[in-house]
C-alpha atoms as a PDB file:
ATOM      1  CA  MET A   1      -0.033   0.247  -0.145  1.00  0.00           C
ATOM      2  CA  GLY A   2       1.002   3.111  -0.915  1.00  0.00           C
ATOM      3  CA  GLN A   3       2.846   6.014   1.882  1.00  0.00           C
ATOM      4  CA  LYS A   4      -0.120   8.449   0.811  1.00  0.00           C
ATOM      5  CA  LYS A   5      -3.041   5.668   1.331  1.00  0.00           C
ATOM      6  CA  LEU A   6      -1.388   4.417   4.724  1.00  0.00           C
ATOM      7  CA  ILE A   7      -1.569   8.090   5.773  1.00  0.00           C
ATOM      8  CA  ARG A   8      -4.886   8.915   5.073  1.00  0.00           C
ATOM      9  CA  PHE A   9      -6.150   5.688   6.770  1.00  0.00           C
ATOM     10  CA  GLU A  10      -4.535   6.697  10.085  1.00  0.00           C
ATOM     11  CA  GLU A  11      -5.781   9.945   9.546  1.00  0.00           C
ATOM     12  CA  ILE A  12      -9.223   8.897   9.514  1.00  0.00           C
ATOM     13  CA  LYS A  13      -9.432   6.879  12.576  1.00  0.00           C
ATOM     14  CA  SER A  14      -9.016  10.908  14.354  1.00  0.00           C
ATOM     15  CA  PHE A  15     -11.902  12.197  12.048  1.00  0.00           C
ATOM     16  CA  PRO A  16     -14.693  12.952  14.425  1.00  0.00           C
ATOM     17  CA  ASN A  17     -17.092  12.566  11.088  1.00  0.00           C
ATOM     18  CA  VAL A  18     -15.824   8.519   9.840  1.00  0.00           C
ATOM     19  CA  LEU A  19     -16.859   5.489  11.806  1.00  0.00           C
ATOM     20  CA  GLU A  20     -14.871   1.944  11.013  1.00  0.00           C
ATOM     21  CA  TYR A  21     -16.825  -0.862  11.698  1.00  0.00           C
ATOM     22  CA  PRO A  22     -18.585   1.020  14.014  1.00  0.00           C
ATOM     23  CA  GLU A  23     -20.605  -0.769  16.758  1.00  0.00           C
ATOM     24  CA  ASN A  24     -24.172  -0.417  18.745  1.00  0.00           C
ATOM     25  CA  VAL A  25     -25.023   2.834  16.691  1.00  0.00           C
ATOM     26  CA  LYS A  26     -28.490   1.495  15.155  1.00  0.00           C
ATOM     27  CA  GLY A  27     -31.143   3.875  16.107  1.00  0.00           C
ATOM     28  CA  THR A  28     -28.902   6.394  17.724  1.00  0.00           C
ATOM     29  CA  TRP A  29     -27.883   8.804  14.663  1.00  0.00           C
ATOM     30  CA  HIS A  30     -30.302  11.635  15.962  1.00  0.00           C
ATOM     31  CA  HIS A  31     -27.689  11.597  19.246  1.00  0.00           C
ATOM     32  CA  PHE A  32     -24.831  11.939  16.660  1.00  0.00           C
ATOM     33  CA  PHE A  33     -25.838  14.199  14.534  1.00  0.00           C
ATOM     34  CA  LYS A  34     -27.547  16.146  17.525  1.00  0.00           C
ATOM     35  CA  ASN A  35     -31.135  16.383  15.607  1.00  0.00           C
ATOM     36  CA  ASP A  36     -33.677  14.355  14.434  1.00  0.00           C
ATOM     37  CA  ASN A  37     -33.524  15.803  10.774  1.00  0.00           C
ATOM     38  CA  PRO A  38     -33.981  13.656   7.974  1.00  0.00           C
ATOM     39  CA  LEU A  39     -31.337  10.788   6.900  1.00  0.00           C
ATOM     40  CA  THR A  40     -29.914  10.049   3.867  1.00  0.00           C
ATOM     41  CA  LEU A  41     -27.120   7.271   2.520  1.00  0.00           C
ATOM     42  CA  GLU A  42     -24.522   7.584  -0.282  1.00  0.00           C
ATOM     43  CA  LEU A  43     -24.051   3.992  -0.747  1.00  0.00           C
ATOM     44  CA  ALA A  44     -20.490   3.148  -2.980  1.00  0.00           C
ATOM     45  CA  CYS A  45     -19.716   6.973  -1.728  1.00  0.00           C
ATOM     46  CA  GLY A  46     -16.058   6.703  -3.096  1.00  0.00           C
ATOM     47  CA  LYS A  47     -14.855  10.223  -2.262  1.00  0.00           C
ATOM     48  CA  GLY A  48     -18.027  11.256  -1.019  1.00  0.00           C
ATOM     49  CA  GLU A  49     -18.631  14.036  -3.561  1.00  0.00           C
ATOM     50  CA  TYR A  50     -22.565  13.551  -3.543  1.00  0.00           C
ATOM     51  CA  ALA A  51     -23.269  13.359   0.707  1.00  0.00           C
ATOM     52  CA  VAL A  52     -20.608  16.429   0.670  1.00  0.00           C
ATOM     53  CA  GLY A  53     -22.930  18.002  -1.823  1.00  0.00           C
ATOM     54  CA  LEU A  54     -25.962  17.046  -0.598  1.00  0.00           C
ATOM     55  CA  GLY A  55     -24.888  18.173   2.421  1.00  0.00           C
ATOM     56  CA  ARG A  56     -24.038  21.938   1.269  1.00  0.00           C
ATOM     57  CA  LEU A  57     -27.588  22.507  -0.598  1.00  0.00           C
ATOM     58  CA  TYR A  58     -29.921  20.887   2.624  1.00  0.00           C
ATOM     59  CA  PRO A  59     -28.333  22.065   5.661  1.00  0.00           C
ATOM     60  CA  ASN A  60     -31.455  20.878   7.765  1.00  0.00           C
ATOM     61  CA  ARG A  61     -30.919  16.479   6.303  1.00  0.00           C
ATOM     62  CA  ASN A  62     -28.681  14.429   7.374  1.00  0.00           C
ATOM     63  CA  PHE A  63     -26.185  12.970   4.890  1.00  0.00           C
ATOM     64  CA  ILE A  64     -23.839   9.593   5.655  1.00  0.00           C
ATOM     65  CA  GLY A  65     -21.586   8.319   2.875  1.00  0.00           C
ATOM     66  CA  ILE A  66     -20.558   4.430   3.257  1.00  0.00           C
ATOM     67  CA  ASP A  67     -17.648   2.801   1.618  1.00  0.00           C
ATOM     68  CA  VAL A  68     -15.360   0.051   2.016  1.00  0.00           C
ATOM     69  CA  LYS A  69     -12.336   2.458   0.773  1.00  0.00           C
ATOM     70  CA  GLY A  70     -10.623   4.592   3.568  1.00  0.00           C
ATOM     71  CA  ASN A  71      -8.179   6.401   1.053  1.00  0.00           C
ATOM     72  CA  ARG A  72     -11.359   7.254  -0.867  1.00  0.00           C
ATOM     73  CA  ILE A  73     -13.674   8.532   2.388  1.00  0.00           C
ATOM     74  CA  TRP A  74     -10.617  10.886   3.277  1.00  0.00           C
ATOM     75  CA  ARG A  75     -11.239  13.424   0.589  1.00  0.00           C
ATOM     76  CA  GLY A  76     -14.807  13.343   1.654  1.00  0.00           C
ATOM     77  CA  ALA A  77     -14.408  13.296   4.995  1.00  0.00           C
ATOM     78  CA  LYS A  78     -11.526  16.129   5.324  1.00  0.00           C
ATOM     79  CA  THR A  79     -13.968  18.312   2.745  1.00  0.00           C
ATOM     80  CA  ALA A  80     -16.344  18.323   5.182  1.00  0.00           C
ATOM     81  CA  LEU A  81     -14.875  19.206   8.159  1.00  0.00           C
ATOM     82  CA  THR A  82     -12.877  21.758   6.867  1.00  0.00           C
ATOM     83  CA  GLU A  83     -16.177  23.892   5.202  1.00  0.00           C
ATOM     84  CA  GLY A  84     -17.868  22.551   8.944  1.00  0.00           C
ATOM     85  CA  LEU A  85     -20.649  20.284   7.664  1.00  0.00           C
ATOM     86  CA  GLY A  86     -21.509  18.787  10.847  1.00  0.00           C
ATOM     87  CA  ASN A  87     -24.609  17.237   8.506  1.00  0.00           C
ATOM     88  CA  VAL A  88     -21.913  15.386   6.686  1.00  0.00           C
ATOM     89  CA  ALA A  89     -20.351  12.036   7.711  1.00  0.00           C
ATOM     90  CA  PHE A  90     -18.857   8.864   7.275  1.00  0.00           C
ATOM     91  CA  VAL A  91     -18.660   5.023   7.608  1.00  0.00           C
ATOM     92  CA  ARG A  92     -16.206   2.567   6.718  1.00  0.00           C
ATOM     93  CA  SER A  93     -18.361  -0.675   5.693  1.00  0.00           C
ATOM     94  CA  GLN A  94     -18.809  -2.964   2.900  1.00  0.00           C
ATOM     95  CA  MET A  95     -22.351  -2.732   2.011  1.00  0.00           C
ATOM     96  CA  ASP A  96     -23.224  -6.036   2.901  1.00  0.00           C
ATOM     97  CA  LYS A  97     -23.026  -4.971   6.365  1.00  0.00           C
ATOM     98  CA  VAL A  98     -25.179  -1.696   6.171  1.00  0.00           C
ATOM     99  CA  THR A  99     -28.184  -3.377   7.916  1.00  0.00           C
ATOM    100  CA  GLU A 100     -25.959  -3.620  10.814  1.00  0.00           C
ATOM    101  CA  TYR A 101     -26.016   0.289  11.435  1.00  0.00           C
ATOM    102  CA  PHE A 102     -29.497   1.605  11.049  1.00  0.00           C
ATOM    103  CA  VAL A 103     -32.713   0.318  12.476  1.00  0.00           C
ATOM    104  CA  ALA A 104     -36.643   0.013  11.111  1.00  0.00           C
ATOM    105  CA  GLY A 105     -37.358   3.274   9.603  1.00  0.00           C
ATOM    106  CA  GLU A 106     -34.571   5.483  10.424  1.00  0.00           C
ATOM    107  CA  VAL A 107     -33.251   6.537   6.939  1.00  0.00           C
ATOM    108  CA  ASP A 108     -35.539   8.558   4.132  1.00  0.00           C
ATOM    109  CA  GLU A 109     -33.402   8.432   0.919  1.00  0.00           C
ATOM    110  CA  ILE A 110     -30.540   6.428  -0.655  1.00  0.00           C
ATOM    111  CA  TRP A 111     -28.197   7.867  -3.623  1.00  0.00           C
ATOM    112  CA  ILE A 112     -26.286   5.025  -5.780  1.00  0.00           C
ATOM    113  CA  THR A 113     -23.837   7.159  -7.496  1.00  0.00           C
ATOM    114  CA  PHE A 114     -21.462   6.019  -9.642  1.00  0.00           C
ATOM    115  CA  PRO A 115     -21.473   2.316  -8.140  1.00  0.00           C
ATOM    116  CA  ASP A 116     -19.375  -0.287 -10.240  1.00  0.00           C
ATOM    117  CA  PRO A 117     -21.759  -2.018 -12.609  1.00  0.00           C
ATOM    118  CA  GLN A 118     -20.410  -5.188 -11.887  1.00  0.00           C
ATOM    119  CA  LEU A 119     -20.580  -6.073 -16.030  1.00  0.00           C
ATOM    120  CA  ARG A 120     -20.147  -9.755 -16.219  1.00  0.00           C
ATOM    121  CA  PHE A 121     -23.195 -11.719 -15.487  1.00  0.00           C
ATOM    122  CA  SER A 122     -21.588 -14.004 -12.797  1.00  0.00           C
ATOM    123  CA  LYS A 123     -21.101 -10.598 -10.575  1.00  0.00           C
ATOM    124  CA  MET A 124     -24.828  -9.332 -11.048  1.00  0.00           C
ATOM    125  CA  LYS A 125     -26.113 -10.074  -7.614  1.00  0.00           C
ATOM    126  CA  LYS A 126     -22.892  -7.389  -6.608  1.00  0.00           C
ATOM    127  CA  ARG A 127     -24.839  -4.797  -7.936  1.00  0.00           C
ATOM    128  CA  LEU A 128     -26.242  -2.503  -5.908  1.00  0.00           C
ATOM    129  CA  THR A 129     -29.761  -2.500  -7.583  1.00  0.00           C
ATOM    130  CA  HIS A 130     -29.945  -6.152  -7.383  1.00  0.00           C
ATOM    131  CA  PRO A 131     -33.219  -7.688  -5.161  1.00  0.00           C
ATOM    132  CA  LYS A 132     -30.390  -8.920  -2.635  1.00  0.00           C
ATOM    133  CA  TYR A 133     -29.627  -5.123  -2.074  1.00  0.00           C
ATOM    134  CA  LEU A 134     -32.963  -3.619  -2.571  1.00  0.00           C
ATOM    135  CA  ARG A 135     -34.386  -6.152   0.268  1.00  0.00           C
ATOM    136  CA  LEU A 136     -31.613  -5.110   2.547  1.00  0.00           C
ATOM    137  CA  TYR A 137     -32.159  -1.263   1.871  1.00  0.00           C
ATOM    138  CA  GLN A 138     -36.083  -2.124   2.681  1.00  0.00           C
ATOM    139  CA  GLU A 139     -35.306  -3.043   6.058  1.00  0.00           C
ATOM    140  CA  PHE A 140     -34.001   0.322   7.409  1.00  0.00           C
ATOM    141  CA  LEU A 141     -35.577   2.842   4.577  1.00  0.00           C
ATOM    142  CA  LYS A 142     -38.797   4.420   5.711  1.00  0.00           C
ATOM    143  CA  PRO A 143     -41.836   2.849   4.180  1.00  0.00           C
ATOM    144  CA  GLY A 144     -42.051   3.747   0.852  1.00  0.00           C
ATOM    145  CA  GLY A 145     -38.786   4.795   0.577  1.00  0.00           C
ATOM    146  CA  ILE A 146     -36.651   6.104  -2.413  1.00  0.00           C
ATOM    147  CA  VAL A 147     -33.832   5.245  -3.968  1.00  0.00           C
ATOM    148  CA  GLN A 148     -32.226   7.266  -6.587  1.00  0.00           C
ATOM    149  CA  LEU A 149     -29.436   5.734  -9.466  1.00  0.00           C
ATOM    150  CA  LYS A 150     -26.800   8.125 -11.197  1.00  0.00           C
ATOM    151  CA  THR A 151     -24.745   5.616 -13.449  1.00  0.00           C
ATOM    152  CA  ASP A 152     -22.947   5.911 -16.867  1.00  0.00           C
ATOM    153  CA  SER A 153     -23.341   2.465 -17.350  1.00  0.00           C
ATOM    154  CA  PRO A 154     -26.217   1.372 -19.411  1.00  0.00           C
ATOM    155  CA  VAL A 155     -25.701  -2.349 -18.929  1.00  0.00           C
ATOM    156  CA  LEU A 156     -26.575  -0.858 -14.825  1.00  0.00           C
ATOM    157  CA  TYR A 157     -29.147   1.006 -16.158  1.00  0.00           C
ATOM    158  CA  GLU A 158     -31.432  -1.147 -18.176  1.00  0.00           C
ATOM    159  CA  PHE A 159     -30.756  -4.278 -15.280  1.00  0.00           C
ATOM    160  CA  THR A 160     -32.143  -1.125 -12.529  1.00  0.00           C
ATOM    161  CA  LYS A 161     -35.099  -0.660 -15.073  1.00  0.00           C
ATOM    162  CA  THR A 162     -35.748  -4.882 -15.317  1.00  0.00           C
ATOM    163  CA  VAL A 163     -35.984  -4.825 -11.892  1.00  0.00           C
ATOM    164  CA  ILE A 164     -37.895  -2.219 -10.611  1.00  0.00           C
ATOM    165  CA  GLY A 165     -40.812  -3.769 -13.600  1.00  0.00           C
ATOM    166  CA  LEU A 166     -40.075  -7.432 -12.749  1.00  0.00           C
ATOM    167  CA  TYR A 167     -41.215  -6.193  -9.063  1.00  0.00           C
ATOM    168  CA  GLU A 168     -43.408  -3.528  -9.920  1.00  0.00           C
ATOM    169  CA  LEU A 169     -41.914  -1.217  -7.879  1.00  0.00           C
ATOM    170  CA  GLU A 170     -42.937   2.814  -8.464  1.00  0.00           C
ATOM    171  CA  LEU A 171     -40.966   4.376 -10.790  1.00  0.00           C
ATOM    172  CA  LEU A 172     -40.601   7.849 -10.447  1.00  0.00           C
ATOM    173  CA  THR A 173     -38.648   9.001 -13.383  1.00  0.00           C
ATOM    174  CA  ASP A 174     -36.311   7.741 -15.964  1.00  0.00           C
ATOM    175  CA  ASP A 175     -33.906   9.980 -17.549  1.00  0.00           C
ATOM    176  CA  ASN A 176     -30.981   8.124 -19.515  1.00  0.00           C
ATOM    177  CA  ASP A 177     -29.710  11.081 -20.718  1.00  0.00           C
ATOM    178  CA  VAL A 178     -29.706  13.666 -17.913  1.00  0.00           C
ATOM    179  CA  TYR A 179     -27.499  16.747 -18.863  1.00  0.00           C
ATOM    180  CA  ARG A 180     -28.823  16.600 -22.954  1.00  0.00           C
ATOM    181  CA  ASN A 181     -32.489  16.300 -21.927  1.00  0.00           C
ATOM    182  CA  GLY A 182     -31.665  19.199 -20.016  1.00  0.00           C
ATOM    183  CA  ASN A 183     -33.939  17.753 -17.281  1.00  0.00           C
ATOM    184  CA  TYR A 184     -31.713  17.737 -13.965  1.00  0.00           C
ATOM    185  CA  THR A 185     -32.209  19.211 -10.954  1.00  0.00           C
ATOM    186  CA  THR A 186     -29.932  20.869  -8.666  1.00  0.00           C
ATOM    187  CA  GLU A 187     -29.200  17.528  -7.289  1.00  0.00           C
ATOM    188  CA  LEU A 188     -27.687  16.170 -10.283  1.00  0.00           C
ATOM    189  CA  GLN A 189     -25.523  18.637 -10.900  1.00  0.00           C
ATOM    190  CA  ILE A 190     -23.301  17.930  -8.262  1.00  0.00           C
ATOM    191  CA  LYS A 191     -20.736  15.621  -9.710  1.00  0.00           C
ATOM    192  CA  THR A 192     -18.499  12.530  -9.305  1.00  0.00           C
ATOM    193  CA  HIS A 193     -15.034  11.838  -9.840  1.00  0.00           C
ATOM    194  CA  TYR A 194     -16.462   8.831 -11.697  1.00  0.00           C
ATOM    195  CA  GLU A 195     -18.273  10.732 -13.493  1.00  0.00           C
ATOM    196  CA  SER A 196     -15.870  12.480 -14.874  1.00  0.00           C
ATOM    197  CA  LEU A 197     -13.773   9.772 -16.188  1.00  0.00           C
ATOM    198  CA  ASP A 198     -16.371   8.359 -18.077  1.00  0.00           C
ATOM    199  CA  ILE A 199     -15.898   4.705 -17.246  1.00  0.00           C
ATOM    200  CA  ALA A 200     -18.229   3.606 -19.775  1.00  0.00           C
ATOM    201  CA  GLN A 201     -17.515   5.889 -22.798  1.00  0.00           C
ATOM    202  CA  SER A 202     -21.295   6.021 -23.130  1.00  0.00           C
ATOM    203  CA  ASN A 203     -21.060  10.073 -23.195  1.00  0.00           C
ATOM    204  CA  ARG A 204     -23.667   9.563 -21.184  1.00  0.00           C
ATOM    205  CA  VAL A 205     -25.417   9.593 -17.931  1.00  0.00           C
ATOM    206  CA  HIS A 206     -28.357   7.652 -17.124  1.00  0.00           C
ATOM    207  CA  TYR A 207     -30.659   8.940 -13.876  1.00  0.00           C
ATOM    208  CA  LEU A 208     -33.520   6.332 -12.000  1.00  0.00           C
ATOM    209  CA  LYS A 209     -35.685   7.345  -9.251  1.00  0.00           C
ATOM    210  CA  PHE A 210     -37.870   4.710  -7.900  1.00  0.00           C
ATOM    211  CA  ARG A 211     -39.496   3.972  -4.403  1.00  0.00           C
ATOM    212  CA  LEU A 212     -38.648   0.682  -2.671  1.00  0.00           C
ATOM    213  CA  ASN A 213     -43.148   0.204  -2.182  1.00  0.00           C
ATOM    214  CA  LYS A 214     -43.543  -3.550  -2.591  1.00  0.00           C
ATOM    215  CA  SER A 215     -42.216  -6.506  -1.157  1.00  0.00           C
ATOM    216  CA  MET A 216     -39.792  -8.513  -3.444  1.00  0.00           C
ATOM    217  CA  PRO A 217     -40.510 -11.842  -3.360  1.00  0.00           C
ATOM    218  CA  LYS A 218     -37.240 -14.350  -3.832  1.00  0.00           C
ATOM    219  CA  GLU A 219     -39.071 -16.571  -5.773  1.00  0.00           C
ATOM    220  CA  LYS A 220     -39.378 -13.724  -8.924  1.00  0.00           C
ATOM    221  CA  ASP A 221     -35.070 -13.961  -8.723  1.00  0.00           C
ATOM    222  CA  ALA A 222     -34.967 -17.079 -10.886  1.00  0.00           C
ATOM    223  CA  ILE A 223     -37.418 -15.126 -13.365  1.00  0.00           C
ATOM    224  CA  LEU A 224     -34.803 -12.188 -13.456  1.00  0.00           C
ATOM    225  CA  LYS A 225     -31.808 -14.404 -13.651  1.00  0.00           C
ATOM    226  CA  GLU A 226     -33.654 -16.257 -16.874  1.00  0.00           C
ATOM    227  CA  MET A 227     -34.645 -12.812 -17.896  1.00  0.00           C
ATOM    228  CA  LEU A 228     -31.126 -11.180 -17.911  1.00  0.00           C
ATOM    229  CA  ASN A 229     -29.613 -14.201 -19.485  1.00  0.00           C
ATOM    230  CA  GLU A 230     -31.303 -14.661 -22.618  1.00  0.00           C
ATOM    231  CA  GLU A 231     -30.061 -10.861 -23.544  1.00  0.00           C
ATOM    232  CA  PRO A 232     -27.039 -11.554 -25.489  1.00  0.00           C
ATOM    233  CA  ALA A 233     -25.379  -7.846 -24.785  1.00  0.00           C
ATOM    234  CA  ASN A 234     -24.560  -9.495 -21.470  1.00  0.00           C
ATOM    235  CA  GLU A 235     -21.752 -10.568 -20.804  1.00  0.00           C
ATOM    236  CA  LYS A 236     -21.380 -13.657 -19.264  1.00  0.00           C
END
């Protein structure tokens, strides 16, 4: 590991706005933030551009970025501390542990911004909009809680639309080319480091906003897998 990463890993241990694999935090976030304001998560937050950006826009709401990469979290946490954004915090953890940190109904909204699209068919269950993960989110989102996805990956975008349709979730917004269509909100103007890289080389940004308003029976997972297995565009 590089010297710079080691320094950052050590430094975030002293940051008051970073918790690494925290224990006994379920139901206590109003104490942490010292208010009862609505709570939004940015999952796989990377450098935390969205957690910080939303924190600037909405001082009366709380934001938590979650990622396993401590050297990336350092950037967002450092910025939040420098700017005095007391409504922004970070948790270092794997995504599949997220239910360990929140009680039912504690979270109002989730943002998933430019996550790894896990393009290979065999990696499908690692996509953060796979039913496996959406069921986890339902454990702590308020009833009918909202998930927002922003991605440059057409594969992840189409996959998520398939999930929304199959499980009959409520689709609120579907924009297949955010900047070209010009319908984007102030929130969508926030850009992450990975967005600027245009890794998918699609030259467009996709956006989906949907509500987790239905139960998601596991029996349908086999149908989803079969549907996607029939699509030649998916890399096996």
